[in-house]
């Protein structure tokens, strides 16, 4: 769950948190399993939709940049220690 560090979060952030709380409360309600699951799914769907509308367009980009791992001094020392101990 993303947490806002704002001292006074926007009303939409508060609404997202409320829907997530209602979704969890729905799971613990004294109802049938199908009713609890339907209520949970309904509130989580609303929370996800509100979160999606809050996110700026650049933040919704899911591409990751992965750099190749470069050996460091620590890895070479750790390798040397393993070779000495298990020689």
Protein backbone atom coordinates (compact mmCIF):
# COMPACT_ATOMS: atom_id res chain seq x y z
CA UNK A 1 0.00 0.00 0.00
CA UNK A 2 1.38 3.39 -0.94
CA UNK A 3 1.45 5.89 1.87
CA UNK A 4 1.20 9.60 1.39
CA UNK A 5 3.62 11.74 3.36
CA UNK A 6 1.39 14.80 3.10
CA UNK A 7 0.19 16.27 6.37
CA UNK A 8 -3.26 16.78 4.93
CA UNK A 9 -3.92 14.18 2.22
CA UNK A 10 -6.37 14.83 -0.57
CA UNK A 11 -9.99 13.73 -0.19
CA UNK A 12 -9.41 11.08 -2.88
CA UNK A 13 -6.56 9.54 -0.86
CA UNK A 14 -8.85 9.43 2.14
CA UNK A 15 -11.55 7.79 0.01
CA UNK A 16 -9.08 5.15 -1.24
CA UNK A 17 -8.13 4.32 2.34
CA UNK A 18 -11.80 4.16 3.31
CA UNK A 19 -12.61 1.70 0.52
CA UNK A 20 -9.66 -0.49 1.49
CA UNK A 21 -10.85 -0.46 5.10
CA UNK A 22 -14.37 -1.35 4.01
CA UNK A 23 -12.97 -4.20 1.87
CA UNK A 24 -11.13 -5.67 4.86
CA UNK A 25 -14.17 -5.20 7.06
CA UNK A 26 -16.27 -7.03 4.47
CA UNK A 27 -14.03 -10.09 4.82
CA UNK A 28 -14.64 -10.24 8.57
CA UNK A 29 -18.39 -9.63 8.42
CA UNK A 30 -20.91 -12.16 9.66
CA UNK A 31 -22.22 -13.03 6.18
CA UNK A 32 -21.92 -15.88 3.74
CA UNK A 33 -18.62 -16.38 1.97
CA UNK A 34 -20.01 -15.31 -1.41
CA UNK A 35 -21.44 -12.09 0.06
CA UNK A 36 -18.17 -11.25 1.84
CA UNK A 37 -16.16 -11.88 -1.31
CA UNK A 38 -18.53 -9.80 -3.45
CA UNK A 39 -18.33 -6.87 -1.02
CA UNK A 40 -14.53 -7.17 -0.80
CA UNK A 41 -14.16 -7.23 -4.59
CA UNK A 42 -16.52 -4.26 -4.98
CA UNK A 43 -14.59 -2.07 -2.54
CA UNK A 44 -11.17 -3.09 -3.86
CA UNK A 45 -12.31 -2.36 -7.41
CA UNK A 46 -13.35 1.13 -6.32
CA UNK A 47 -10.07 1.66 -4.43
CA UNK A 48 -7.98 0.56 -7.43
CA UNK A 49 -9.93 2.83 -9.77
CA UNK A 50 -9.43 5.80 -7.45
CA UNK A 51 -5.71 5.03 -7.10
CA UNK A 52 -5.38 4.85 -10.88
CA UNK A 53 -7.01 8.25 -11.25
CA UNK A 54 -4.62 9.70 -8.65
CA UNK A 55 -1.43 8.50 -10.33
CA UNK A 56 0.14 10.86 -12.87
CA UNK A 57 0.70 9.53 -16.39
CA UNK A 58 4.47 9.19 -15.91
CA UNK A 59 4.05 7.13 -12.73
CA UNK A 60 1.91 4.53 -14.48
CA UNK A 61 4.80 3.53 -16.77
CA UNK A 62 5.78 0.00 -15.79
CA UNK A 63 9.03 -0.31 -17.72
CA UNK A 64 12.08 -1.05 -15.63
CA UNK A 65 15.64 -0.19 -16.45
CA UNK A 66 17.95 -2.99 -15.38
CA UNK A 67 21.67 -2.40 -15.37
CA UNK A 68 24.10 -5.27 -15.57
CA UNK A 69 25.69 -6.23 -12.30
CA UNK A 70 29.27 -5.12 -12.00
CA UNK A 71 31.62 -6.92 -9.64
CA UNK A 72 32.66 -4.91 -6.63
CA UNK A 73 35.47 -5.18 -4.14
CA UNK A 74 33.14 -6.83 -1.66
CA UNK A 75 32.24 -9.69 -4.00
CA UNK A 76 35.87 -10.38 -4.83
CA UNK A 77 36.80 -10.41 -1.11
CA UNK A 78 33.86 -12.67 -0.30
CA UNK A 79 34.88 -15.04 -3.07
CA UNK A 80 38.46 -15.11 -1.80
CA UNK A 81 37.29 -15.85 1.75
CA UNK A 82 35.13 -18.74 0.52
CA UNK A 83 38.02 -20.17 -1.48
CA UNK A 84 40.33 -20.04 1.55
CA UNK A 85 37.82 -21.66 3.91
CA UNK A 86 36.65 -24.38 1.55
CA UNK A 87 39.94 -24.57 -0.38
